[in-house]
Amino acid sequence: MLDGLDEEDSLEEGGQATKKKMRLSMHQVKALEKNFDVGNKLEPERKVKLAEELGLQPRQVAIWFQNRRAIWKTKVLEKDYAMLKANREKEPPRNCSDCLNSPSDNRQLSGDDCPSVVFN
């Protein structure tokens, strides 16, 4: 164990050891999560201070925040999609008879051309 980090050996196909992957301790992860909740972007001063407090390199802190933002963004998109899908399922089916015989357009529109039809 090195400054609260767990080391994990990894082997290449030929059996040679590669660079050791450092794992964060639970204390470090909790502190990073707490700081992420305060703000998901890091100013340089905050990054250096946090790295010193946790015994990490500033680059490790920056990468952790970058990865955490990616996870956060995915969760936000999934939540938004679920909400939109639920709202879409609550809506009654649209009757397109109005847009099929629109007085502003003399041609008949097919279901594929209908601007009010949204496909999943």
PDB file of N, CA and C in Angstrom:
ATOM      1  N   MET A   1       0.850  -1.175   0.000  1.00  0.00           N
ATOM      2  CA  MET A   1       0.000   0.000   0.000  1.00  0.00           C
ATOM      3  C   MET A   1       0.892   1.233   0.000  1.00  0.00           C
ATOM      4  N   LEU A   2       0.549   2.236  -0.831  1.00  0.00           N
ATOM      5  CA  LEU A   2       1.349   3.431  -0.998  1.00  0.00           C
ATOM      6  C   LEU A   2       0.477   4.654  -0.792  1.00  0.00           C
ATOM      7  N   ASP A   3       0.641   5.388   0.299  1.00  0.00           N
ATOM      8  CA  ASP A   3      -0.139   6.607   0.544  1.00  0.00           C
ATOM      9  C   ASP A   3      -1.639   6.407   0.344  1.00  0.00           C
ATOM     10  N   GLY A   4      -2.189   5.337   0.855  1.00  0.00           N
ATOM     11  CA  GLY A   4      -3.625   5.109   0.741  1.00  0.00           C
ATOM     12  C   GLY A   4      -4.044   4.532  -0.592  1.00  0.00           C
ATOM     13  N   LEU A   5      -3.099   4.184  -1.442  1.00  0.00           N
ATOM     14  CA  LEU A   5      -3.425   3.614  -2.737  1.00  0.00           C
ATOM     15  C   LEU A   5      -3.099   2.138  -2.737  1.00  0.00           C
ATOM     16  N   ASP A   6      -3.978   1.364  -3.316  1.00  0.00           N
ATOM     17  CA  ASP A   6      -3.720  -0.059  -3.489  1.00  0.00           C
ATOM     18  C   ASP A   6      -3.118  -0.256  -4.869  1.00  0.00           C
ATOM     19  N   GLU A   7      -2.099  -1.102  -4.955  1.00  0.00           N
ATOM     20  CA  GLU A   7      -1.489  -1.386  -6.240  1.00  0.00           C
ATOM     21  C   GLU A   7      -2.055  -2.681  -6.781  1.00  0.00           C
ATOM     22  N   GLU A   8      -2.215  -2.723  -8.092  1.00  0.00           N
ATOM     23  CA  GLU A   8      -2.702  -3.931  -8.729  1.00  0.00           C
ATOM     24  C   GLU A   8      -1.761  -4.259  -9.879  1.00  0.00           C
ATOM     25  N   ASP A   9      -1.141  -5.453  -9.840  1.00  0.00           N
ATOM     26  CA  ASP A   9      -0.251  -5.865 -10.911  1.00  0.00           C
ATOM     27  C   ASP A   9      -1.087  -6.349 -12.085  1.00  0.00           C
ATOM     28  N   SER A  10      -0.602  -6.060 -13.271  1.00  0.00           N
ATOM     29  CA  SER A  10      -1.259  -6.585 -14.457  1.00  0.00           C
ATOM     30  C   SER A  10      -0.186  -7.169 -15.368  1.00  0.00           C
ATOM     31  N   LEU A  11      -0.558  -8.166 -16.119  1.00  0.00           N
ATOM     32  CA  LEU A  11       0.385  -8.847 -16.994  1.00  0.00           C
ATOM     33  C   LEU A  11      -0.050  -8.709 -18.438  1.00  0.00           C
ATOM     34  N   GLU A  12       0.935  -8.545 -19.323  1.00  0.00           N
ATOM     35  CA  GLU A  12       0.658  -8.552 -20.747  1.00  0.00           C
ATOM     36  C   GLU A  12       0.549 -10.001 -21.195  1.00  0.00           C
ATOM     37  N   GLU A  13       0.222 -10.206 -22.485  1.00  0.00           N
ATOM     38  CA  GLU A  13       0.089 -11.567 -23.004  1.00  0.00           C
ATOM     39  C   GLU A  13       1.379 -12.369 -22.829  1.00  0.00           C
ATOM     40  N   GLY A  14       2.526 -11.728 -23.009  1.00  0.00           N
ATOM     41  CA  GLY A  14       3.810 -12.417 -22.908  1.00  0.00           C
ATOM     42  C   GLY A  14       4.218 -12.714 -21.482  1.00  0.00           C
ATOM     43  N   GLY A  15       3.423 -12.290 -20.502  1.00  0.00           N
ATOM     44  CA  GLY A  15       3.726 -12.554 -19.111  1.00  0.00           C
ATOM     45  C   GLY A  15       4.557 -11.474 -18.447  1.00  0.00           C
ATOM     46  N   GLN A  16       4.863 -10.398 -19.157  1.00  0.00           N
ATOM     47  CA  GLN A  16       5.649  -9.315 -18.571  1.00  0.00           C
ATOM     48  C   GLN A  16       4.734  -8.350 -17.828  1.00  0.00           C
ATOM     49  N   ALA A  17       5.218  -7.853 -16.719  1.00  0.00           N
ATOM     50  CA  ALA A  17       4.433  -6.919 -15.914  1.00  0.00           C
ATOM     51  C   ALA A  17       4.351  -5.574 -16.615  1.00  0.00           C
ATOM     52  N   THR A  18       3.181  -4.964 -16.571  1.00  0.00           N
ATOM     53  CA  THR A  18       2.976  -3.628 -17.139  1.00  0.00           C
ATOM     54  C   THR A  18       2.947  -2.622 -16.001  1.00  0.00           C
ATOM     55  N   LYS A  19       2.691  -1.392 -16.331  1.00  0.00           N
ATOM     56  CA  LYS A  19       2.598  -0.336 -15.335  1.00  0.00           C
ATOM     57  C   LYS A  19       1.539  -0.714 -14.295  1.00  0.00           C
ATOM     58  N   LYS A  20       1.843  -0.440 -13.033  1.00  0.00           N
ATOM     59  CA  LYS A  20       0.919  -0.804 -11.967  1.00  0.00           C
ATOM     60  C   LYS A  20      -0.239   0.184 -11.931  1.00  0.00           C
ATOM     61  N   LYS A  21      -1.447  -0.346 -11.789  1.00  0.00           N
ATOM     62  CA  LYS A  21      -2.639   0.487 -11.723  1.00  0.00           C
ATOM     63  C   LYS A  21      -2.904   0.821 -10.259  1.00  0.00           C
ATOM     64  N   MET A  22      -3.070   2.099  -9.973  1.00  0.00           N
ATOM     65  CA  MET A  22      -3.298   2.535  -8.609  1.00  0.00           C
ATOM     66  C   MET A  22      -4.795   2.621  -8.331  1.00  0.00           C
ATOM     67  N   ARG A  23      -5.212   2.080  -7.232  1.00  0.00           N
ATOM     68  CA  ARG A  23      -6.608   2.138  -6.799  1.00  0.00           C
ATOM     69  C   ARG A  23      -6.728   3.151  -5.672  1.00  0.00           C
ATOM     70  N   LEU A  24      -7.803   3.916  -5.695  1.00  0.00           N
ATOM     71  CA  LEU A  24      -8.035   4.896  -4.639  1.00  0.00           C
ATOM     72  C   LEU A  24      -8.654   4.223  -3.426  1.00  0.00           C
ATOM     73  N   SER A  25      -8.335   4.740  -2.251  1.00  0.00           N
ATOM     74  CA  SER A  25      -8.930   4.219  -1.025  1.00  0.00           C
ATOM     75  C   SER A  25     -10.363   4.755  -0.910  1.00  0.00           C
ATOM     76  N   MET A  26     -11.145   4.157  -0.031  1.00  0.00           N
ATOM     77  CA  MET A  26     -12.524   4.610   0.183  1.00  0.00           C
ATOM     78  C   MET A  26     -12.541   6.044   0.688  1.00  0.00           C
ATOM     79  N   HIS A  27     -11.591   6.385   1.553  1.00  0.00           N
ATOM     80  CA  HIS A  27     -11.489   7.756   2.061  1.00  0.00           C
ATOM     81  C   HIS A  27     -11.276   8.740   0.912  1.00  0.00           C
ATOM     82  N   GLN A  28     -10.387   8.405  -0.005  1.00  0.00           N
ATOM     83  CA  GLN A  28     -10.101   9.280  -1.128  1.00  0.00           C
ATOM     84  C   GLN A  28     -11.310   9.420  -2.049  1.00  0.00           C
ATOM     85  N   VAL A  29     -11.970   8.315  -2.320  1.00  0.00           N
ATOM     86  CA  VAL A  29     -13.154   8.341  -3.193  1.00  0.00           C
ATOM     87  C   VAL A  29     -14.255   9.188  -2.565  1.00  0.00           C
ATOM     88  N   LYS A  30     -14.500   9.006  -1.274  1.00  0.00           N
ATOM     89  CA  LYS A  30     -15.539   9.789  -0.601  1.00  0.00           C
ATOM     90  C   LYS A  30     -15.214  11.283  -0.639  1.00  0.00           C
ATOM     91  N   ALA A  31     -13.952  11.630  -0.420  1.00  0.00           N
ATOM     92  CA  ALA A  31     -13.548  13.039  -0.462  1.00  0.00           C
ATOM     93  C   ALA A  31     -13.709  13.600  -1.871  1.00  0.00           C
ATOM     94  N   LEU A  32     -13.351  12.823  -2.880  1.00  0.00           N
ATOM     95  CA  LEU A  32     -13.509  13.270  -4.259  1.00  0.00           C
ATOM     96  C   LEU A  32     -14.988  13.436  -4.613  1.00  0.00           C
ATOM     97  N   GLU A  33     -15.815  12.474  -4.197  1.00  0.00           N
ATOM     98  CA  GLU A  33     -17.265  12.559  -4.450  1.00  0.00           C
ATOM     99  C   GLU A  33     -17.857  13.800  -3.784  1.00  0.00           C
ATOM    100  N   LYS A  34     -17.447  14.062  -2.547  1.00  0.00           N
ATOM    101  CA  LYS A  34     -17.944  15.230  -1.815  1.00  0.00           C
ATOM    102  C   LYS A  34     -17.571  16.513  -2.558  1.00  0.00           C
ATOM    103  N   ASN A  35     -16.343  16.581  -3.043  1.00  0.00           N
ATOM    104  CA  ASN A  35     -15.899  17.750  -3.802  1.00  0.00           C
ATOM    105  C   ASN A  35     -16.603  17.846  -5.155  1.00  0.00           C
ATOM    106  N   PHE A  36     -16.920  16.712  -5.757  1.00  0.00           N
ATOM    107  CA  PHE A  36     -17.639  16.707  -7.033  1.00  0.00           C
ATOM    108  C   PHE A  36     -19.045  17.276  -6.848  1.00  0.00           C
ATOM    109  N   ASP A  37     -19.674  16.956  -5.703  1.00  0.00           N
ATOM    110  CA  ASP A  37     -21.007  17.478  -5.416  1.00  0.00           C
ATOM    111  C   ASP A  37     -20.996  18.994  -5.269  1.00  0.00           C
ATOM    112  N   VAL A  38     -19.883  19.538  -4.764  1.00  0.00           N
ATOM    113  CA  VAL A  38     -19.747  20.991  -4.623  1.00  0.00           C
ATOM    114  C   VAL A  38     -19.654  21.638  -5.999  1.00  0.00           C
ATOM    115  N   GLY A  39     -18.907  21.031  -6.881  1.00  0.00           N
ATOM    116  CA  GLY A  39     -18.746  21.548  -8.237  1.00  0.00           C
ATOM    117  C   GLY A  39     -18.039  20.528  -9.083  1.00  0.00           C
ATOM    118  N   ASN A  40     -18.581  20.257 -10.278  1.00  0.00           N
ATOM    119  CA  ASN A  40     -17.996  19.192 -11.090  1.00  0.00           C
ATOM    120  C   ASN A  40     -16.852  19.660 -11.989  1.00  0.00           C
ATOM    121  N   LYS A  41     -16.501  20.929 -11.895  1.00  0.00           N
ATOM    122  CA  LYS A  41     -15.329  21.443 -12.616  1.00  0.00           C
ATOM    123  C   LYS A  41     -14.264  21.835 -11.596  1.00  0.00           C
ATOM    124  N   LEU A  42     -13.011  21.612 -11.948  1.00  0.00           N
ATOM    125  CA  LEU A  42     -11.900  21.889 -11.036  1.00  0.00           C
ATOM    126  C   LEU A  42     -11.105  23.107 -11.482  1.00  0.00           C
ATOM    127  N   GLU A  43     -10.953  24.049 -10.589  1.00  0.00           N
ATOM    128  CA  GLU A  43     -10.013  25.141 -10.830  1.00  0.00           C
ATOM    129  C   GLU A  43      -8.625  24.612 -10.460  1.00  0.00           C
ATOM    130  N   PRO A  44      -7.577  25.147 -11.075  1.00  0.00           N
ATOM    131  CA  PRO A  44      -6.221  24.635 -10.797  1.00  0.00           C
ATOM    132  C   PRO A  44      -5.846  24.661  -9.309  1.00  0.00           C
ATOM    133  N   GLU A  45      -6.221  25.736  -8.616  1.00  0.00           N
ATOM    134  CA  GLU A  45      -5.874  25.827  -7.193  1.00  0.00           C
ATOM    135  C   GLU A  45      -6.586  24.749  -6.383  1.00  0.00           C
ATOM    136  N   ARG A  46      -7.841  24.532  -6.696  1.00  0.00           N
ATOM    137  CA  ARG A  46      -8.631  23.515  -5.987  1.00  0.00           C
ATOM    138  C   ARG A  46      -8.080  22.121  -6.260  1.00  0.00           C
ATOM    139  N   LYS A  47      -7.667  21.883  -7.499  1.00  0.00           N
ATOM    140  CA  LYS A  47      -7.104  20.577  -7.863  1.00  0.00           C
ATOM    141  C   LYS A  47      -5.837  20.294  -7.075  1.00  0.00           C
ATOM    142  N   VAL A  48      -4.942  21.261  -6.998  1.00  0.00           N
ATOM    143  CA  VAL A  48      -3.675  21.090  -6.278  1.00  0.00           C
ATOM    144  C   VAL A  48      -3.938  20.875  -4.792  1.00  0.00           C
ATOM    145  N   LYS A  49      -4.836  21.677  -4.218  1.00  0.00           N
ATOM    146  CA  LYS A  49      -5.147  21.551  -2.791  1.00  0.00           C
ATOM    147  C   LYS A  49      -5.744  20.181  -2.479  1.00  0.00           C
ATOM    148  N   LEU A  50      -6.673  19.745  -3.308  1.00  0.00           N
ATOM    149  CA  LEU A  50      -7.310  18.444  -3.105  1.00  0.00           C
ATOM    150  C   LEU A  50      -6.294  17.316  -3.251  1.00  0.00           C
ATOM    151  N   ALA A  51      -5.420  17.420  -4.230  1.00  0.00           N
ATOM    152  CA  ALA A  51      -4.384  16.400  -4.434  1.00  0.00           C
ATOM    153  C   ALA A  51      -3.466  16.313  -3.227  1.00  0.00           C
ATOM    154  N   GLU A  52      -3.078  17.454  -2.681  1.00  0.00           N
ATOM    155  CA  GLU A  52      -2.201  17.455  -1.498  1.00  0.00           C
ATOM    156  C   GLU A  52      -2.908  16.840  -0.301  1.00  0.00           C
ATOM    157  N   GLU A  53      -4.178  17.182  -0.109  1.00  0.00           N
ATOM    158  CA  GLU A  53      -4.938  16.651   1.032  1.00  0.00           C
ATOM    159  C   GLU A  53      -5.090  15.137   0.960  1.00  0.00           C
ATOM    160  N   LEU A  54      -5.227  14.619  -0.253  1.00  0.00           N
ATOM    161  CA  LEU A  54      -5.487  13.186  -0.419  1.00  0.00           C
ATOM    162  C   LEU A  54      -4.240  12.373  -0.739  1.00  0.00           C
ATOM    163  N   GLY A  55      -3.100  13.026  -0.888  1.00  0.00           N
ATOM    164  CA  GLY A  55      -1.871  12.300  -1.201  1.00  0.00           C
ATOM    165  C   GLY A  55      -1.855  11.767  -2.618  1.00  0.00           C
ATOM    166  N   LEU A  56      -2.445  12.505  -3.537  1.00  0.00           N
ATOM    167  CA  LEU A  56      -2.499  12.102  -4.940  1.00  0.00           C
ATOM    168  C   LEU A  56      -1.765  13.120  -5.793  1.00  0.00           C
ATOM    169  N   GLN A  57      -1.526  12.759  -7.029  1.00  0.00           N
ATOM    170  CA  GLN A  57      -0.984  13.693  -7.997  1.00  0.00           C
ATOM    171  C   GLN A  57      -2.136  14.547  -8.535  1.00  0.00           C
ATOM    172  N   PRO A  58      -1.890  15.822  -8.830  1.00  0.00           N
ATOM    173  CA  PRO A  58      -2.951  16.660  -9.407  1.00  0.00           C
ATOM    174  C   PRO A  58      -3.555  16.052 -10.675  1.00  0.00           C
ATOM    175  N   ARG A  59      -2.735  15.393 -11.469  1.00  0.00           N
ATOM    176  CA  ARG A  59      -3.234  14.747 -12.695  1.00  0.00           C
ATOM    177  C   ARG A  59      -4.225  13.645 -12.366  1.00  0.00           C
ATOM    178  N   GLN A  60      -3.993  12.892 -11.293  1.00  0.00           N
ATOM    179  CA  GLN A  60      -4.924  11.837 -10.886  1.00  0.00           C
ATOM    180  C   GLN A  60      -6.277  12.430 -10.508  1.00  0.00           C
ATOM    181  N   VAL A  61      -6.246  13.546  -9.804  1.00  0.00           N
ATOM    182  CA  VAL A  61      -7.481  14.213  -9.398  1.00  0.00           C
ATOM    183  C   VAL A  61      -8.222  14.711 -10.634  1.00  0.00           C
ATOM    184  N   ALA A  62      -7.492  15.314 -11.570  1.00  0.00           N
ATOM    185  CA  ALA A  62      -8.103  15.830 -12.788  1.00  0.00           C
ATOM    186  C   ALA A  62      -8.751  14.708 -13.598  1.00  0.00           C
ATOM    187  N   ILE A  63      -8.060  13.597 -13.725  1.00  0.00           N
ATOM    188  CA  ILE A  63      -8.600  12.458 -14.483  1.00  0.00           C
ATOM    189  C   ILE A  63      -9.805  11.874 -13.776  1.00  0.00           C
ATOM    190  N   TRP A  64      -9.763  11.782 -12.444  1.00  0.00           N
ATOM    191  CA  TRP A  64     -10.909  11.270 -11.694  1.00  0.00           C
ATOM    192  C   TRP A  64     -12.137  12.156 -11.966  1.00  0.00           C
ATOM    193  N   PHE A  65     -11.956  13.467 -11.905  1.00  0.00           N
ATOM    194  CA  PHE A  65     -13.069  14.385 -12.165  1.00  0.00           C
ATOM    195  C   PHE A  65     -13.576  14.247 -13.600  1.00  0.00           C
ATOM    196  N   GLN A  66     -12.684  14.080 -14.544  1.00  0.00           N
ATOM    197  CA  GLN A  66     -13.077  13.913 -15.943  1.00  0.00           C
ATOM    198  C   GLN A  66     -13.913  12.648 -16.111  1.00  0.00           C
ATOM    199  N   ASN A  67     -13.462  11.554 -15.520  1.00  0.00           N
ATOM    200  CA  ASN A  67     -14.208  10.297 -15.600  1.00  0.00           C
ATOM    201  C   ASN A  67     -15.556  10.398 -14.883  1.00  0.00           C
ATOM    202  N   ARG A  68     -15.560  11.062 -13.751  1.00  0.00           N
ATOM    203  CA  ARG A  68     -16.789  11.216 -12.971  1.00  0.00           C
ATOM    204  C   ARG A  68     -17.805  12.082 -13.716  1.00  0.00           C
ATOM    205  N   ARG A  69     -17.338  13.118 -14.427  1.00  0.00           N
ATOM    206  CA  ARG A  69     -18.245  13.945 -15.232  1.00  0.00           C
ATOM    207  C   ARG A  69     -18.874  13.128 -16.355  1.00  0.00           C
ATOM    208  N   ALA A  70     -18.105  12.237 -16.949  1.00  0.00           N
ATOM    209  CA  ALA A  70     -18.633  11.377 -18.016  1.00  0.00           C
ATOM    210  C   ALA A  70     -19.726  10.466 -17.474  1.00  0.00           C
ATOM    211  N   ILE A  71     -19.506   9.897 -16.293  1.00  0.00           N
ATOM    212  CA  ILE A  71     -20.515   9.040 -15.655  1.00  0.00           C
ATOM    213  C   ILE A  71     -21.750   9.858 -15.322  1.00  0.00           C
ATOM    214  N   TRP A  72     -21.542  11.058 -14.762  1.00  0.00           N
ATOM    215  CA  TRP A  72     -22.646  11.943 -14.394  1.00  0.00           C
ATOM    216  C   TRP A  72     -23.469  12.312 -15.618  1.00  0.00           C
ATOM    217  N   LYS A  73     -22.803  12.639 -16.714  1.00  0.00           N
ATOM    218  CA  LYS A  73     -23.506  13.024 -17.939  1.00  0.00           C
ATOM    219  C   LYS A  73     -24.353  11.876 -18.470  1.00  0.00           C
ATOM    220  N   THR A  74     -23.817  10.675 -18.441  1.00  0.00           N
ATOM    221  CA  THR A  74     -24.564   9.508 -18.902  1.00  0.00           C
ATOM    222  C   THR A  74     -25.807   9.294 -18.054  1.00  0.00           C
ATOM    223  N   LYS A  75     -25.671   9.427 -16.740  1.00  0.00           N
ATOM    224  CA  LYS A  75     -26.822   9.252 -15.848  1.00  0.00           C
ATOM    225  C   LYS A  75     -27.882  10.320 -16.100  1.00  0.00           C
ATOM    226  N   VAL A  76     -27.457  11.559 -16.333  1.00  0.00           N
ATOM    227  CA  VAL A  76     -28.399  12.644 -16.616  1.00  0.00           C
ATOM    228  C   VAL A  76     -29.148  12.358 -17.920  1.00  0.00           C
ATOM    229  N   LEU A  77     -28.428  11.912 -18.945  1.00  0.00           N
ATOM    230  CA  LEU A  77     -29.069  11.595 -20.220  1.00  0.00           C
ATOM    231  C   LEU A  77     -30.054  10.440 -20.078  1.00  0.00           C
ATOM    232  N   GLU A  78     -29.682   9.407 -19.319  1.00  0.00           N
ATOM    233  CA  GLU A  78     -30.591   8.280 -19.099  1.00  0.00           C
ATOM    234  C   GLU A  78     -31.850   8.720 -18.362  1.00  0.00           C
ATOM    235  N   LYS A  79     -31.686   9.591 -17.369  1.00  0.00           N
ATOM    236  CA  LYS A  79     -32.821  10.100 -16.607  1.00  0.00           C
ATOM    237  C   LYS A  79     -33.742  10.936 -17.505  1.00  0.00           C
ATOM    238  N   ASP A  80     -33.143  11.812 -18.309  1.00  0.00           N
ATOM    239  CA  ASP A  80     -33.926  12.640 -19.235  1.00  0.00           C
ATOM    240  C   ASP A  80     -34.676  11.780 -20.244  1.00  0.00           C
ATOM    241  N   TYR A  81     -34.009  10.754 -20.777  1.00  0.00           N
ATOM    242  CA  TYR A  81     -34.641   9.871 -21.738  1.00  0.00           C
ATOM    243  C   TYR A  81     -35.822   9.132 -21.110  1.00  0.00           C
ATOM    244  N   ALA A  82     -35.629   8.634 -19.898  1.00  0.00           N
ATOM    245  CA  ALA A  82     -36.708   7.920 -19.218  1.00  0.00           C
ATOM    246  C   ALA A  82     -37.910   8.843 -18.973  1.00  0.00           C
ATOM    247  N   MET A  83     -37.628  10.096 -18.599  1.00  0.00           N
ATOM    248  CA  MET A  83     -38.699  11.050 -18.363  1.00  0.00           C
ATOM    249  C   MET A  83     -39.433  11.368 -19.667  1.00  0.00           C
ATOM    250  N   LEU A  84     -38.703  11.591 -20.745  1.00  0.00           N
ATOM    251  CA  LEU A  84     -39.332  11.859 -22.034  1.00  0.00           C
ATOM    252  C   LEU A  84     -40.151  10.672 -22.519  1.00  0.00           C
ATOM    253  N   LYS A  85     -39.616   9.486 -22.322  1.00  0.00           N
ATOM    254  CA  LYS A  85     -40.319   8.271 -22.740  1.00  0.00           C
ATOM    255  C   LYS A  85     -41.611   8.103 -21.941  1.00  0.00           C
ATOM    256  N   ALA A  86     -41.540   8.352 -20.629  1.00  0.00           N
ATOM    257  CA  ALA A  86     -42.734   8.237 -19.789  1.00  0.00           C
ATOM    258  C   ALA A  86     -43.780   9.270 -20.206  1.00  0.00           C
ATOM    259  N   ASN A  87     -43.356  10.495 -20.483  1.00  0.00           N
ATOM    260  CA  ASN A  87     -44.287  11.528 -20.937  1.00  0.00           C
ATOM    261  C   ASN A  87     -44.888  11.173 -22.289  1.00  0.00           C
ATOM    262  N   ARG A  88     -44.093  10.608 -23.160  1.00  0.00           N
ATOM    263  CA  ARG A  88     -44.567  10.205 -24.498  1.00  0.00           C
ATOM    264  C   ARG A  88     -45.610   9.102 -24.389  1.00  0.00           C
ATOM    265  N   GLU A  89     -45.409   8.179 -23.458  1.00  0.00           N
ATOM    266  CA  GLU A  89     -46.350   7.069 -23.296  1.00  0.00           C
ATOM    267  C   GLU A  89     -47.670   7.546 -22.692  1.00  0.00           C
ATOM    268  N   LYS A  90     -47.649   8.662 -21.954  1.00  0.00           N
ATOM    269  CA  LYS A  90     -48.874   9.204 -21.364  1.00  0.00           C
ATOM    270  C   LYS A  90     -49.741   9.907 -22.400  1.00  0.00           C
ATOM    271  N   GLU A  91     -49.119  10.442 -23.459  1.00  0.00           N
ATOM    272  CA  GLU A  91     -49.857  11.177 -24.473  1.00  0.00           C
ATOM    273  C   GLU A  91     -50.733  10.228 -25.285  1.00  0.00           C
ATOM    274  N   PRO A  92     -51.959  10.686 -25.624  1.00  0.00           N
ATOM    275  CA  PRO A  92     -52.798   9.856 -26.499  1.00  0.00           C
ATOM    276  C   PRO A  92     -52.218   9.872 -27.912  1.00  0.00           C
ATOM    277  N   PRO A  93     -52.493   8.858 -28.701  1.00  0.00           N
ATOM    278  CA  PRO A  93     -51.988   8.850 -30.071  1.00  0.00           C
ATOM    279  C   PRO A  93     -52.528  10.065 -30.827  1.00  0.00           C
ATOM    280  N   ARG A  94     -51.692  10.637 -31.665  1.00  0.00           N
ATOM    281  CA  ARG A  94     -52.097  11.810 -32.424  1.00  0.00           C
ATOM    282  C   ARG A  94     -52.914  11.402 -33.636  1.00  0.00           C
ATOM    283  N   ASN A  95     -53.967  12.167 -33.912  1.00  0.00           N
ATOM    284  CA  ASN A  95     -54.763  11.975 -35.110  1.00  0.00           C
ATOM    285  C   ASN A  95     -54.202  12.908 -36.167  1.00  0.00           C
ATOM    286  N   CYS A  96     -53.678  12.358 -37.208  1.00  0.00           N
ATOM    287  CA  CYS A  96     -53.004  13.162 -38.217  1.00  0.00           C
ATOM    288  C   CYS A  96     -53.926  13.576 -39.352  1.00  0.00           C
ATOM    289  N   SER A  97     -55.220  13.412 -39.194  1.00  0.00           N
ATOM    290  CA  SER A  97     -56.123  13.772 -40.285  1.00  0.00           C
ATOM    291  C   SER A  97     -56.021  15.242 -40.634  1.00  0.00           C
ATOM    292  N   ASP A  98     -55.719  16.100 -39.646  1.00  0.00           N
ATOM    293  CA  ASP A  98     -55.580  17.522 -39.932  1.00  0.00           C
ATOM    294  C   ASP A  98     -54.373  17.798 -40.816  1.00  0.00           C
ATOM    295  N   CYS A  99     -53.249  17.143 -40.516  1.00  0.00           N
ATOM    296  CA  CYS A  99     -52.058  17.432 -41.316  1.00  0.00           C
ATOM    297  C   CYS A  99     -52.061  16.665 -42.628  1.00  0.00           C
ATOM    298  N   LEU A 100     -52.848  15.602 -42.742  1.00  0.00           N
ATOM    299  CA  LEU A 100     -52.893  14.860 -44.000  1.00  0.00           C
ATOM    300  C   LEU A 100     -53.636  15.642 -45.079  1.00  0.00           C
ATOM    301  N   ASN A 101     -54.595  16.470 -44.693  1.00  0.00           N
ATOM    302  CA  ASN A 101     -55.363  17.249 -45.655  1.00  0.00           C
ATOM    303  C   ASN A 101     -55.202  18.737 -45.365  1.00  0.00           C
ATOM    304  N   SER A 102     -53.982  19.148 -45.189  1.00  0.00           N
ATOM    305  CA  SER A 102     -53.695  20.535 -44.852  1.00  0.00           C
ATOM    306  C   SER A 102     -54.047  21.456 -46.010  1.00  0.00           C
ATOM    307  N   PRO A 103     -54.806  22.554 -45.735  1.00  0.00           N
ATOM    308  CA  PRO A 103     -55.142  23.482 -46.816  1.00  0.00           C
ATOM    309  C   PRO A 103     -53.918  24.226 -47.342  1.00  0.00           C
ATOM    310  N   SER A 104     -52.862  24.338 -46.540  1.00  0.00           N
ATOM    311  CA  SER A 104     -51.671  25.045 -46.999  1.00  0.00           C
ATOM    312  C   SER A 104     -50.847  24.206 -47.959  1.00  0.00           C
ATOM    313  N   ASP A 105     -51.133  22.920 -48.016  1.00  0.00           N
ATOM    314  CA  ASP A 105     -50.397  22.032 -48.907  1.00  0.00           C
ATOM    315  C   ASP A 105     -51.414  21.146 -49.607  1.00  0.00           C
ATOM    316  N   ASN A 106     -51.461  21.176 -50.905  1.00  0.00           N
ATOM    317  CA  ASN A 106     -52.478  20.438 -51.647  1.00  0.00           C
ATOM    318  C   ASN A 106     -52.176  18.955 -51.772  1.00  0.00           C
ATOM    319  N   ARG A 107     -50.974  18.549 -51.438  1.00  0.00           N
ATOM    320  CA  ARG A 107     -50.652  17.127 -51.589  1.00  0.00           C
ATOM    321  C   ARG A 107     -50.978  16.369 -50.314  1.00  0.00           C
ATOM    322  N   GLN A 108     -51.223  15.093 -50.443  1.00  0.00           N
ATOM    323  CA  GLN A 108     -51.480  14.219 -49.298  1.00  0.00           C
ATOM    324  C   GLN A 108     -50.147  13.801 -48.711  1.00  0.00           C
ATOM    325  N   LEU A 109     -50.039  13.864 -47.396  1.00  0.00           N
ATOM    326  CA  LEU A 109     -48.813  13.441 -46.719  1.00  0.00           C
ATOM    327  C   LEU A 109     -48.958  12.011 -46.249  1.00  0.00           C
ATOM    328  N   SER A 110     -47.921  11.245 -46.391  1.00  0.00           N
ATOM    329  CA  SER A 110     -47.939   9.891 -45.830  1.00  0.00           C
ATOM    330  C   SER A 110     -47.524   9.975 -44.373  1.00  0.00           C
ATOM    331  N   GLY A 111     -47.666   8.906 -43.632  1.00  0.00           N
ATOM    332  CA  GLY A 111     -47.266   8.872 -42.228  1.00  0.00           C
ATOM    333  C   GLY A 111     -45.793   9.196 -42.045  1.00  0.00           C
ATOM    334  N   ASP A 112     -44.963   8.814 -43.041  1.00  0.00           N
ATOM    335  CA  ASP A 112     -43.533   9.093 -42.956  1.00  0.00           C
ATOM    336  C   ASP A 112     -43.242  10.583 -43.081  1.00  0.00           C
ATOM    337  N   ASP A 113     -44.107  11.305 -43.810  1.00  0.00           N
ATOM    338  CA  ASP A 113     -43.902  12.731 -44.038  1.00  0.00           C
ATOM    339  C   ASP A 113     -44.495  13.593 -42.938  1.00  0.00           C
ATOM    340  N   CYS A 114     -45.332  13.024 -42.101  1.00  0.00           N
ATOM    341  CA  CYS A 114     -46.062  13.799 -41.105  1.00  0.00           C
ATOM    342  C   CYS A 114     -45.099  14.378 -40.079  1.00  0.00           C
ATOM    343  N   PRO A 115     -45.079  15.714 -39.924  1.00  0.00           N
ATOM    344  CA  PRO A 115     -44.151  16.321 -38.972  1.00  0.00           C
ATOM    345  C   PRO A 115     -44.518  16.061 -37.522  1.00  0.00           C
ATOM    346  N   SER A 116     -45.748  15.637 -37.263  1.00  0.00           N
ATOM    347  CA  SER A 116     -46.143  15.413 -35.871  1.00  0.00           C
ATOM    348  C   SER A 116     -45.873  13.995 -35.402  1.00  0.00           C
ATOM    349  N   VAL A 117     -45.443  13.125 -36.325  1.00  0.00           N
ATOM    350  CA  VAL A 117     -45.158  11.745 -35.947  1.00  0.00           C
ATOM    351  C   VAL A 117     -43.706  11.642 -35.512  1.00  0.00           C
ATOM    352  N   VAL A 118     -43.489  11.147 -34.319  1.00  0.00           N
ATOM    353  CA  VAL A 118     -42.153  10.950 -33.791  1.00  0.00           C
ATOM    354  C   VAL A 118     -41.974   9.461 -33.545  1.00  0.00           C
ATOM    355  N   PHE A 119     -40.930   8.919 -34.090  1.00  0.00           N
ATOM    356  CA  PHE A 119     -40.683   7.481 -33.945  1.00  0.00           C
ATOM    357  C   PHE A 119     -39.676   7.249 -32.849  1.00  0.00           C
ATOM    358  N   ASN A 120     -39.818   6.142 -32.110  1.00  0.00           N
ATOM    359  CA  ASN A 120     -38.892   5.799 -31.029  1.00  0.00           C
ATOM    360  C   ASN A 120     -37.619   5.243 -31.577  1.00  0.00           C
TER     361      ASN A 120
END
